[in-house]
């Protein structure tokens, strides 16, 4: 479809523009991460997009052994409505990591995934493979959808949304997706990023 071709062109142009803007900040972000804690500057997280597991790039905002530490923090999980794991003051997040997360800078490397065609600028929120087992049957279509850096659920509460409400937003998006809807989501994302980056 023509709309899909245009969407892909927007993804390429948008991700390239974002990466060009990121280049001047890269040395400072990388140095800050390295001076703050052990571990790599970039990490790869397993997420599902288009029915496949993809390695999503992010700046490291947690300690190097964050995944191993998770099992010792399960009893502190504040999310009881689904498969998500969230602690308000997660002790695994580094000082620099808190800054990166506050301004959403940790997610900028995902533009590489967009450029590669693994993600889109706009789409359903990408989830971990293990989380997909919690999808109710009526939302199984989301399993094969191309996920995005931002989307309807991200601009309507992000990780603070109840699990099923997030799926409702993402399901609505894939059933009503259009370039006009994408443009509204991108505009709202930019607005939130400028006024309250923690709200994405």
N, C-alpha and C. Protein backbone atom coordinates (compact mmCIF):
# COMPACT_ATOMS: atom_id res chain seq x y z
N UNK A 1 0.83 -1.20 0.00
CA UNK A 1 0.00 0.00 0.00
C UNK A 1 0.87 1.26 0.00
N UNK A 2 0.34 2.32 -0.64
CA UNK A 2 1.08 3.57 -0.73
C UNK A 2 1.34 4.15 0.65
N UNK A 3 0.33 4.04 1.55
CA UNK A 3 0.49 4.59 2.89
C UNK A 3 1.63 3.91 3.65
N UNK A 4 1.82 2.59 3.42
CA UNK A 4 2.90 1.87 4.07
C UNK A 4 4.26 2.32 3.54
N UNK A 5 4.32 2.60 2.24
CA UNK A 5 5.56 3.09 1.63
C UNK A 5 5.91 4.47 2.19
N UNK A 6 4.89 5.33 2.28
CA UNK A 6 5.11 6.68 2.82
C UNK A 6 5.53 6.59 4.28
N UNK A 7 4.89 5.68 5.02
CA UNK A 7 5.24 5.50 6.44
C UNK A 7 6.69 5.08 6.58
N UNK A 8 7.14 4.19 5.70
CA UNK A 8 8.53 3.75 5.75
C UNK A 8 9.49 4.88 5.40
N UNK A 9 9.12 5.71 4.44
CA UNK A 9 9.95 6.86 4.07
C UNK A 9 10.06 7.82 5.25
N UNK A 10 8.94 8.05 5.94
CA UNK A 10 8.94 8.92 7.12
C UNK A 10 9.83 8.33 8.20
N UNK A 11 9.78 7.00 8.37
CA UNK A 11 10.62 6.33 9.36
C UNK A 11 12.10 6.56 9.05
N UNK A 12 12.47 6.40 7.79
CA UNK A 12 13.87 6.55 7.39
C UNK A 12 14.34 7.99 7.60
N UNK A 13 13.55 8.93 7.09
CA UNK A 13 13.92 10.35 7.21
C UNK A 13 13.96 10.77 8.67
N UNK A 14 12.94 10.36 9.44
CA UNK A 14 12.87 10.73 10.85
C UNK A 14 13.99 10.15 11.68
N UNK A 15 14.31 8.88 11.43
CA UNK A 15 15.38 8.24 12.21
C UNK A 15 16.75 8.82 11.85
N UNK A 16 16.96 9.12 10.58
CA UNK A 16 18.22 9.74 10.17
C UNK A 16 18.38 11.13 10.80
N UNK A 17 17.31 11.90 10.79
CA UNK A 17 17.36 13.24 11.38
C UNK A 17 17.65 13.15 12.88
N UNK A 18 16.99 12.20 13.55
CA UNK A 18 17.21 12.03 14.98
C UNK A 18 18.63 11.60 15.30
N UNK A 19 19.16 10.69 14.50
CA UNK A 19 20.53 10.20 14.73
C UNK A 19 21.56 11.30 14.48
N UNK A 20 21.30 12.16 13.49
CA UNK A 20 22.20 13.28 13.22
C UNK A 20 22.23 14.23 14.41
N UNK A 21 21.05 14.46 15.00
CA UNK A 21 20.98 15.32 16.18
C UNK A 21 21.68 14.68 17.39
N UNK A 22 21.67 13.34 17.43
CA UNK A 22 22.27 12.62 18.55
C UNK A 22 23.79 12.62 18.51
N UNK A 23 24.37 12.66 17.32
CA UNK A 23 25.82 12.53 17.16
C UNK A 23 26.62 13.50 18.04
N UNK A 24 26.28 14.79 18.09
CA UNK A 24 27.07 15.71 18.95
C UNK A 24 26.98 15.36 20.44
N UNK A 25 25.89 14.72 20.86
CA UNK A 25 25.72 14.39 22.28
C UNK A 25 26.37 13.06 22.65
N UNK A 26 26.63 12.23 21.65
CA UNK A 26 27.11 10.87 21.90
C UNK A 26 28.37 10.79 22.76
N UNK A 27 29.43 11.58 22.48
CA UNK A 27 30.64 11.47 23.31
C UNK A 27 30.37 11.80 24.77
N UNK A 28 29.52 12.79 25.02
CA UNK A 28 29.23 13.21 26.40
C UNK A 28 28.39 12.17 27.13
N UNK A 29 27.40 11.60 26.42
CA UNK A 29 26.57 10.56 27.04
C UNK A 29 27.41 9.32 27.33
N UNK A 30 28.22 8.93 26.35
CA UNK A 30 29.06 7.74 26.52
C UNK A 30 30.04 7.92 27.68
N UNK A 31 30.67 9.09 27.77
CA UNK A 31 31.63 9.35 28.85
C UNK A 31 30.93 9.33 30.21
N UNK A 32 29.77 9.94 30.29
CA UNK A 32 29.02 9.99 31.55
C UNK A 32 28.64 8.59 32.02
N UNK A 33 28.19 7.76 31.09
CA UNK A 33 27.80 6.39 31.44
C UNK A 33 29.01 5.60 31.94
N UNK A 34 30.14 5.74 31.25
CA UNK A 34 31.35 5.00 31.60
C UNK A 34 31.92 5.45 32.95
N UNK A 35 31.89 6.76 33.22
CA UNK A 35 32.42 7.26 34.48
C UNK A 35 31.53 6.92 35.66
N UNK A 36 30.27 6.71 35.39
CA UNK A 36 29.29 6.48 36.47
C UNK A 36 29.28 5.04 36.96
N UNK A 37 29.45 4.07 36.05
CA UNK A 37 29.34 2.67 36.46
C UNK A 37 29.98 1.73 35.43
N UNK A 38 30.24 0.52 35.88
CA UNK A 38 30.81 -0.49 34.97
C UNK A 38 29.78 -0.92 33.94
N UNK A 39 30.26 -1.33 32.78
CA UNK A 39 29.37 -1.90 31.78
C UNK A 39 29.45 -1.16 30.46
N UNK A 40 28.77 -1.68 29.45
CA UNK A 40 28.80 -1.07 28.12
C UNK A 40 27.98 0.22 28.06
N UNK A 41 28.24 1.02 27.06
CA UNK A 41 27.46 2.24 26.84
C UNK A 41 26.10 1.89 26.25
N UNK A 42 26.12 1.03 25.25
CA UNK A 42 24.88 0.58 24.61
C UNK A 42 24.53 -0.84 25.07
N UNK A 43 23.25 -1.10 25.23
CA UNK A 43 22.79 -2.46 25.53
C UNK A 43 21.76 -2.87 24.49
N UNK A 44 21.54 -4.16 24.37
CA UNK A 44 20.53 -4.68 23.45
C UNK A 44 19.51 -5.47 24.26
N UNK A 45 18.26 -5.10 24.13
CA UNK A 45 17.18 -5.75 24.87
C UNK A 45 16.29 -6.52 23.91
N UNK A 46 15.91 -7.73 24.29
CA UNK A 46 15.04 -8.54 23.44
C UNK A 46 13.60 -8.00 23.50
N UNK A 47 13.08 -7.64 22.35
CA UNK A 47 11.70 -7.20 22.23
C UNK A 47 11.08 -7.88 21.01
N UNK A 48 9.76 -7.90 20.94
CA UNK A 48 9.07 -8.56 19.83
C UNK A 48 8.46 -7.51 18.90
N UNK A 49 8.73 -7.67 17.61
CA UNK A 49 8.16 -6.80 16.59
C UNK A 49 7.93 -7.63 15.33
N UNK A 50 6.75 -7.53 14.78
CA UNK A 50 6.38 -8.29 13.57
C UNK A 50 6.53 -9.80 13.78
N UNK A 51 6.23 -10.23 15.00
CA UNK A 51 6.27 -11.65 15.30
C UNK A 51 7.67 -12.21 15.48
N UNK A 52 8.68 -11.36 15.51
CA UNK A 52 10.07 -11.81 15.66
C UNK A 52 10.72 -11.12 16.85
N UNK A 53 11.71 -11.78 17.43
CA UNK A 53 12.48 -11.17 18.50
C UNK A 53 13.57 -10.31 17.88
N UNK A 54 13.61 -9.05 18.25
CA UNK A 54 14.64 -8.13 17.75
C UNK A 54 15.43 -7.58 18.92
N UNK A 55 16.67 -7.23 18.67
CA UNK A 55 17.52 -6.60 19.67
C UNK A 55 17.34 -5.09 19.59
N UNK A 56 16.68 -4.54 20.59
CA UNK A 56 16.42 -3.10 20.62
C UNK A 56 17.56 -2.39 21.35
N UNK A 57 18.10 -1.36 20.74
CA UNK A 57 19.25 -0.65 21.31
C UNK A 57 18.81 0.45 22.28
N UNK A 58 19.54 0.57 23.38
CA UNK A 58 19.30 1.65 24.34
C UNK A 58 20.62 2.02 24.99
N UNK A 59 20.72 3.26 25.45
CA UNK A 59 21.85 3.61 26.30
C UNK A 59 21.63 2.93 27.64
N UNK A 60 22.69 2.36 28.20
CA UNK A 60 22.56 1.65 29.48
C UNK A 60 22.23 2.64 30.60
N UNK A 61 21.15 2.36 31.30
CA UNK A 61 20.74 3.23 32.41
C UNK A 61 20.71 2.47 33.73
N UNK A 62 21.07 1.18 33.68
CA UNK A 62 21.07 0.36 34.89
C UNK A 62 22.47 -0.22 35.12
N UNK A 63 22.63 -0.83 36.28
CA UNK A 63 23.89 -1.51 36.57
C UNK A 63 24.09 -2.66 35.60
N UNK A 64 25.33 -3.07 35.43
CA UNK A 64 25.66 -4.09 34.44
C UNK A 64 24.97 -5.43 34.71
N UNK A 65 24.71 -5.74 35.97
CA UNK A 65 24.09 -7.02 36.32
C UNK A 65 22.62 -6.86 36.72
N UNK A 66 21.94 -5.89 36.09
CA UNK A 66 20.56 -5.55 36.45
C UNK A 66 19.62 -6.74 36.31
N UNK A 67 19.78 -7.51 35.26
CA UNK A 67 18.86 -8.63 35.03
C UNK A 67 19.01 -9.70 36.12
N UNK A 68 20.23 -9.94 36.58
CA UNK A 68 20.45 -10.93 37.63
C UNK A 68 19.87 -10.43 38.96
N UNK A 69 19.94 -9.11 39.17
CA UNK A 69 19.43 -8.54 40.41
C UNK A 69 17.91 -8.54 40.47
N UNK A 70 17.28 -8.60 39.32
CA UNK A 70 15.81 -8.51 39.24
C UNK A 70 15.12 -9.56 40.09
N UNK A 71 15.65 -10.79 40.09
CA UNK A 71 15.00 -11.88 40.82
C UNK A 71 14.97 -11.63 42.33
N UNK A 72 15.89 -10.77 42.81
CA UNK A 72 15.92 -10.46 44.24
C UNK A 72 14.99 -9.30 44.60
N UNK A 73 14.37 -8.71 43.58
CA UNK A 73 13.51 -7.54 43.81
C UNK A 73 12.05 -7.81 43.45
N UNK A 74 11.75 -9.04 43.08
CA UNK A 74 10.40 -9.36 42.62
C UNK A 74 9.32 -9.02 43.63
N UNK A 75 9.62 -9.16 44.90
CA UNK A 75 8.61 -8.87 45.93
C UNK A 75 8.32 -7.37 46.06
N UNK A 76 9.15 -6.53 45.44
CA UNK A 76 8.94 -5.08 45.48
C UNK A 76 8.20 -4.56 44.25
N UNK A 77 7.87 -5.47 43.34
CA UNK A 77 7.19 -5.08 42.10
C UNK A 77 5.87 -4.37 42.40
N UNK A 78 5.71 -3.17 41.85
CA UNK A 78 4.51 -2.38 42.09
C UNK A 78 3.41 -2.66 41.08
N UNK A 79 3.74 -3.41 40.02
CA UNK A 79 2.74 -3.74 39.01
C UNK A 79 2.15 -5.11 39.30
N UNK A 80 0.87 -5.13 39.64
CA UNK A 80 0.20 -6.39 39.97
C UNK A 80 -0.88 -6.76 38.95
N UNK A 81 -1.00 -5.93 37.90
CA UNK A 81 -2.10 -6.11 36.95
C UNK A 81 -1.68 -6.81 35.66
N UNK A 82 -0.44 -7.26 35.58
CA UNK A 82 0.02 -7.89 34.36
C UNK A 82 1.45 -8.36 34.50
N UNK A 83 2.14 -8.58 33.38
CA UNK A 83 3.49 -9.14 33.42
C UNK A 83 4.61 -8.13 33.66
N UNK A 84 4.26 -6.85 33.80
CA UNK A 84 5.29 -5.83 33.90
C UNK A 84 5.98 -5.83 35.26
N UNK A 85 7.21 -5.35 35.25
CA UNK A 85 7.99 -5.21 36.49
C UNK A 85 8.39 -3.76 36.62
N UNK A 86 7.98 -3.13 37.73
CA UNK A 86 8.30 -1.72 37.92
C UNK A 86 8.42 -1.39 39.40
N UNK A 87 9.52 -0.71 39.74
CA UNK A 87 9.74 -0.21 41.09
C UNK A 87 10.00 1.29 40.95
N UNK A 88 9.29 2.09 41.74
CA UNK A 88 9.40 3.55 41.61
C UNK A 88 10.84 4.02 41.74
N UNK A 89 11.52 3.57 42.77
CA UNK A 89 12.93 3.94 42.97
C UNK A 89 13.80 2.69 42.81
N UNK A 90 13.85 2.21 41.60
CA UNK A 90 14.58 0.98 41.30
C UNK A 90 16.07 1.16 41.63
N UNK A 91 16.60 0.38 42.57
CA UNK A 91 18.00 0.56 42.98
C UNK A 91 19.00 0.19 41.89
N UNK A 92 18.55 -0.45 40.83
CA UNK A 92 19.46 -0.85 39.75
C UNK A 92 19.77 0.31 38.80
N UNK A 93 18.95 1.35 38.85
CA UNK A 93 19.16 2.48 37.95
C UNK A 93 20.31 3.35 38.47
N UNK A 94 21.24 3.67 37.60
CA UNK A 94 22.40 4.47 37.98
C UNK A 94 22.03 5.96 38.04
N UNK A 95 22.93 6.76 38.60
CA UNK A 95 22.69 8.21 38.67
C UNK A 95 22.54 8.81 37.28
N UNK A 96 23.47 8.46 36.40
CA UNK A 96 23.38 8.95 35.02
C UNK A 96 22.15 8.37 34.34
N UNK A 97 21.83 7.12 34.67
CA UNK A 97 20.66 6.47 34.09
C UNK A 97 19.37 7.20 34.42
N UNK A 98 19.27 7.72 35.64
CA UNK A 98 18.07 8.46 36.03
C UNK A 98 17.92 9.73 35.18
N UNK A 99 19.06 10.38 34.93
CA UNK A 99 19.04 11.57 34.08
C UNK A 99 18.62 11.22 32.65
N UNK A 100 19.23 10.15 32.12
CA UNK A 100 18.90 9.73 30.76
C UNK A 100 17.43 9.37 30.63
N UNK A 101 16.90 8.67 31.63
CA UNK A 101 15.49 8.27 31.59
C UNK A 101 14.55 9.45 31.74
N UNK A 102 14.94 10.40 32.58
CA UNK A 102 14.10 11.57 32.79
C UNK A 102 13.84 12.32 31.50
N UNK A 103 14.87 12.42 30.66
CA UNK A 103 14.74 13.15 29.40
C UNK A 103 14.63 12.22 28.19
N UNK A 104 14.38 10.93 28.47
CA UNK A 104 14.17 9.90 27.43
C UNK A 104 15.37 9.73 26.50
N UNK A 105 16.54 10.18 26.92
CA UNK A 105 17.74 10.06 26.09
C UNK A 105 18.18 8.62 25.93
N UNK A 106 17.84 7.76 26.90
CA UNK A 106 18.25 6.36 26.83
C UNK A 106 17.63 5.64 25.64
N UNK A 107 16.52 6.17 25.12
CA UNK A 107 15.80 5.49 24.04
C UNK A 107 16.21 5.95 22.64
N UNK A 108 17.03 6.98 22.56
CA UNK A 108 17.40 7.51 21.25
C UNK A 108 18.07 6.47 20.33
N UNK A 109 18.90 5.55 20.86
CA UNK A 109 19.50 4.55 19.97
C UNK A 109 18.50 3.65 19.25
N UNK A 110 17.25 3.65 19.71
CA UNK A 110 16.23 2.85 19.02
C UNK A 110 15.98 3.36 17.60
N UNK A 111 16.44 4.58 17.32
CA UNK A 111 16.34 5.11 15.96
C UNK A 111 17.13 4.24 14.99
N UNK A 112 18.15 3.55 15.50
CA UNK A 112 18.91 2.60 14.66
C UNK A 112 17.99 1.45 14.24
N UNK A 113 17.18 0.98 15.18
CA UNK A 113 16.22 -0.08 14.87
C UNK A 113 15.19 0.37 13.84
N UNK A 114 14.80 1.64 13.94
CA UNK A 114 13.85 2.18 12.96
C UNK A 114 14.49 2.23 11.59
N UNK A 115 15.73 2.70 11.53
CA UNK A 115 16.45 2.79 10.25
C UNK A 115 16.61 1.41 9.62
N UNK A 116 16.82 0.39 10.46
CA UNK A 116 16.97 -0.98 9.97
C UNK A 116 15.65 -1.62 9.59
N UNK A 117 14.55 -0.98 9.93
CA UNK A 117 13.24 -1.51 9.58
C UNK A 117 12.67 -2.48 10.60
N UNK A 118 13.31 -2.59 11.76
CA UNK A 118 12.84 -3.51 12.80
C UNK A 118 11.72 -2.90 13.64
N UNK A 119 11.77 -1.59 13.81
CA UNK A 119 10.74 -0.84 14.51
C UNK A 119 10.27 0.29 13.60
N UNK A 120 9.17 0.92 14.02
CA UNK A 120 8.69 2.11 13.33
C UNK A 120 8.75 3.27 14.30
N UNK A 121 8.68 4.49 13.80
CA UNK A 121 8.62 5.63 14.70
C UNK A 121 7.35 5.55 15.55
N UNK A 122 6.25 5.12 14.91
CA UNK A 122 4.96 5.01 15.59
C UNK A 122 4.43 3.59 15.46
N UNK A 123 3.99 3.03 16.57
CA UNK A 123 3.44 1.67 16.55
C UNK A 123 3.10 1.22 17.95
N UNK A 124 2.59 0.01 18.10
CA UNK A 124 2.33 -0.53 19.43
C UNK A 124 3.61 -0.60 20.25
N UNK A 125 3.48 -0.56 21.55
CA UNK A 125 4.65 -0.61 22.41
C UNK A 125 5.33 -1.98 22.32
N UNK A 126 6.66 -2.02 22.11
CA UNK A 126 7.36 -3.31 22.05
C UNK A 126 7.49 -3.96 23.42
N UNK A 127 7.16 -5.22 23.51
CA UNK A 127 7.21 -5.94 24.78
C UNK A 127 8.27 -7.02 24.77
N UNK A 128 8.64 -7.46 25.97
CA UNK A 128 9.57 -8.56 26.11
C UNK A 128 8.88 -9.85 25.67
N UNK A 129 9.64 -10.81 25.13
CA UNK A 129 9.03 -12.08 24.67
C UNK A 129 8.19 -12.77 25.73
N UNK A 130 8.66 -12.77 26.98
CA UNK A 130 7.94 -13.47 28.05
C UNK A 130 6.60 -12.82 28.35
N UNK A 131 6.48 -11.52 28.09
CA UNK A 131 5.24 -10.81 28.40
C UNK A 131 4.11 -11.18 27.45
N UNK A 132 4.47 -11.68 26.27
CA UNK A 132 3.44 -11.98 25.27
C UNK A 132 2.51 -13.10 25.69
N UNK A 133 2.96 -13.96 26.59
CA UNK A 133 2.12 -15.06 27.06
C UNK A 133 0.94 -14.54 27.87
N UNK A 134 1.01 -13.29 28.32
CA UNK A 134 -0.07 -12.71 29.11
C UNK A 134 -1.11 -12.00 28.26
N UNK A 135 -0.90 -11.95 26.93
CA UNK A 135 -1.86 -11.29 26.06
C UNK A 135 -3.17 -12.09 26.01
N UNK A 136 -4.31 -11.48 26.32
CA UNK A 136 -5.59 -12.16 26.10
C UNK A 136 -5.77 -12.47 24.62
N UNK A 137 -6.59 -13.45 24.32
CA UNK A 137 -6.75 -13.92 22.94
C UNK A 137 -7.16 -12.81 21.98
N UNK A 138 -8.00 -11.88 22.44
CA UNK A 138 -8.50 -10.84 21.52
C UNK A 138 -7.42 -9.85 21.09
N UNK A 139 -6.26 -9.92 21.74
CA UNK A 139 -5.17 -9.02 21.38
C UNK A 139 -4.00 -9.74 20.70
N UNK A 140 -4.24 -10.96 20.26
CA UNK A 140 -3.16 -11.73 19.64
C UNK A 140 -2.64 -11.08 18.36
N UNK A 141 -3.44 -10.24 17.73
CA UNK A 141 -3.00 -9.58 16.50
C UNK A 141 -1.81 -8.66 16.75
N UNK A 142 -1.67 -8.23 17.99
CA UNK A 142 -0.54 -7.37 18.34
C UNK A 142 0.79 -8.11 18.23
N UNK A 143 0.75 -9.43 18.31
CA UNK A 143 1.98 -10.22 18.27
C UNK A 143 2.73 -10.07 16.95
N UNK A 144 1.99 -9.80 15.88
CA UNK A 144 2.62 -9.72 14.55
C UNK A 144 2.70 -8.28 14.05
N UNK A 145 2.31 -7.33 14.88
CA UNK A 145 2.36 -5.93 14.48
C UNK A 145 3.78 -5.38 14.58
N UNK A 146 4.08 -4.41 13.73
CA UNK A 146 5.37 -3.73 13.80
C UNK A 146 5.29 -2.72 14.93
N UNK A 147 6.13 -2.88 15.93
CA UNK A 147 6.07 -2.00 17.09
C UNK A 147 6.83 -0.70 16.84
N UNK A 148 6.62 0.27 17.75
CA UNK A 148 7.21 1.58 17.51
C UNK A 148 7.85 2.20 18.74
N UNK A 149 8.67 3.23 18.49
CA UNK A 149 9.32 3.97 19.57
C UNK A 149 8.27 4.71 20.39
N UNK A 150 7.30 5.29 19.69
CA UNK A 150 6.18 5.93 20.37
C UNK A 150 4.89 5.38 19.77
N UNK A 151 3.79 5.66 20.44
CA UNK A 151 2.52 5.13 19.98
C UNK A 151 1.37 5.65 20.81
N UNK A 152 0.20 5.14 20.53
CA UNK A 152 -1.00 5.60 21.21
C UNK A 152 -0.95 5.33 22.71
N UNK A 153 -0.44 4.16 23.09
CA UNK A 153 -0.36 3.86 24.52
C UNK A 153 0.73 4.69 25.20
N UNK A 154 1.84 4.93 24.49
CA UNK A 154 2.94 5.69 25.07
C UNK A 154 2.55 7.14 25.38
N UNK A 155 1.71 7.73 24.54
CA UNK A 155 1.33 9.14 24.76
C UNK A 155 0.07 9.27 25.61
N UNK A 156 -0.43 8.15 26.09
CA UNK A 156 -1.62 8.18 26.94
C UNK A 156 -1.37 7.54 28.30
N UNK A 157 -0.14 7.66 28.77
CA UNK A 157 0.16 7.16 30.10
C UNK A 157 1.37 6.26 30.19
N UNK A 158 1.83 5.76 29.03
CA UNK A 158 3.03 4.91 28.99
C UNK A 158 2.95 3.78 30.00
N UNK A 159 4.02 3.57 30.76
CA UNK A 159 4.10 2.42 31.67
C UNK A 159 3.19 2.54 32.89
N UNK A 160 2.55 3.72 33.07
CA UNK A 160 1.63 3.87 34.20
C UNK A 160 0.25 3.31 33.89
N UNK A 161 0.01 2.98 32.62
CA UNK A 161 -1.28 2.42 32.22
C UNK A 161 -1.45 1.01 32.76
N UNK A 162 -2.68 0.63 33.12
CA UNK A 162 -2.94 -0.79 33.41
C UNK A 162 -2.63 -1.62 32.16
N UNK A 163 -2.20 -2.84 32.37
CA UNK A 163 -1.77 -3.69 31.26
C UNK A 163 -2.82 -3.80 30.17
N UNK A 164 -4.06 -4.11 30.54
CA UNK A 164 -5.12 -4.30 29.54
C UNK A 164 -5.47 -2.99 28.83
N UNK A 165 -5.37 -1.86 29.55
CA UNK A 165 -5.64 -0.57 28.91
C UNK A 165 -4.60 -0.27 27.87
N UNK A 166 -3.35 -0.60 28.14
CA UNK A 166 -2.29 -0.40 27.15
C UNK A 166 -2.57 -1.22 25.89
N UNK A 167 -2.99 -2.47 26.09
CA UNK A 167 -3.30 -3.32 24.95
C UNK A 167 -4.49 -2.77 24.16
N UNK A 168 -5.45 -2.17 24.86
CA UNK A 168 -6.61 -1.58 24.18
C UNK A 168 -6.16 -0.44 23.26
N UNK A 169 -5.29 0.42 23.77
CA UNK A 169 -4.78 1.53 22.96
C UNK A 169 -4.03 1.00 21.73
N UNK A 170 -3.17 0.01 21.94
CA UNK A 170 -2.38 -0.53 20.83
C UNK A 170 -3.26 -1.26 19.82
N UNK A 171 -4.28 -1.95 20.31
CA UNK A 171 -5.21 -2.64 19.44
C UNK A 171 -5.99 -1.63 18.60
N UNK A 172 -6.41 -0.54 19.24
CA UNK A 172 -7.12 0.52 18.50
C UNK A 172 -6.23 1.08 17.41
N UNK A 173 -4.94 1.26 17.73
CA UNK A 173 -4.01 1.84 16.75
C UNK A 173 -3.90 0.96 15.50
N UNK A 174 -3.66 -0.33 15.68
CA UNK A 174 -3.44 -1.18 14.50
C UNK A 174 -4.71 -1.37 13.67
N UNK A 175 -5.87 -1.18 14.30
CA UNK A 175 -7.14 -1.31 13.57
C UNK A 175 -7.56 0.00 12.91
N UNK A 176 -6.92 1.09 13.31
CA UNK A 176 -7.28 2.40 12.77
C UNK A 176 -6.07 3.18 12.29
N UNK A 177 -4.97 2.50 12.06
CA UNK A 177 -3.73 3.21 11.73
C UNK A 177 -3.85 3.96 10.40
N UNK A 178 -3.27 5.12 10.39
CA UNK A 178 -3.25 5.97 9.21
C UNK A 178 -2.12 6.97 9.37
N UNK A 179 -1.75 7.60 8.29
CA UNK A 179 -0.69 8.61 8.36
C UNK A 179 -1.14 9.80 9.20
N UNK A 180 -2.44 10.10 9.17
CA UNK A 180 -2.96 11.20 9.97
C UNK A 180 -2.85 10.88 11.46
N UNK A 181 -3.21 9.64 11.83
CA UNK A 181 -3.09 9.22 13.23
C UNK A 181 -1.63 9.24 13.66
N UNK A 182 -0.74 8.77 12.79
CA UNK A 182 0.70 8.79 13.10
C UNK A 182 1.18 10.22 13.35
N UNK A 183 0.72 11.15 12.51
CA UNK A 183 1.17 12.53 12.65
C UNK A 183 0.69 13.13 13.97
N UNK A 184 -0.54 12.78 14.39
CA UNK A 184 -1.06 13.29 15.67
C UNK A 184 -0.26 12.71 16.84
N UNK A 185 0.08 11.43 16.73
CA UNK A 185 0.85 10.78 17.81
C UNK A 185 2.26 11.38 17.88
N UNK A 186 2.89 11.61 16.73
CA UNK A 186 4.22 12.20 16.71
C UNK A 186 4.20 13.62 17.28
N UNK A 187 3.16 14.39 16.94
CA UNK A 187 3.04 15.75 17.46
C UNK A 187 2.85 15.73 18.98
N UNK A 188 2.00 14.82 19.47
CA UNK A 188 1.76 14.73 20.91
C UNK A 188 3.02 14.25 21.63
N UNK A 189 3.77 13.33 20.99
CA UNK A 189 5.03 12.87 21.57
C UNK A 189 6.02 14.02 21.73
N UNK A 190 6.14 14.84 20.68
CA UNK A 190 7.03 16.00 20.72
C UNK A 190 6.60 16.99 21.79
N UNK A 191 5.30 17.21 21.90
CA UNK A 191 4.76 18.13 22.89
C UNK A 191 5.06 17.65 24.31
N UNK A 192 4.86 16.34 24.55
CA UNK A 192 5.14 15.78 25.87
C UNK A 192 6.63 15.83 26.15
N UNK A 193 7.44 15.53 25.12
CA UNK A 193 8.90 15.54 25.29
C UNK A 193 9.39 16.91 25.72
N UNK A 194 8.78 17.98 25.16
CA UNK A 194 9.20 19.34 25.48
C UNK A 194 8.72 19.76 26.86
N UNK A 195 7.46 19.40 27.18
CA UNK A 195 6.85 19.88 28.43
C UNK A 195 7.03 18.94 29.62
N UNK A 196 7.00 17.62 29.35
CA UNK A 196 7.10 16.65 30.45
C UNK A 196 7.60 15.32 29.91
N UNK A 197 8.92 15.19 29.69
CA UNK A 197 9.49 13.96 29.10
C UNK A 197 9.22 12.72 29.91
N UNK A 198 8.94 12.85 31.20
CA UNK A 198 8.66 11.67 32.03
C UNK A 198 7.28 11.10 31.73
N UNK A 199 6.48 11.84 30.95
CA UNK A 199 5.12 11.39 30.66
C UNK A 199 5.02 10.49 29.46
N UNK A 200 6.14 10.19 28.80
CA UNK A 200 6.12 9.32 27.63
C UNK A 200 6.40 7.88 28.07
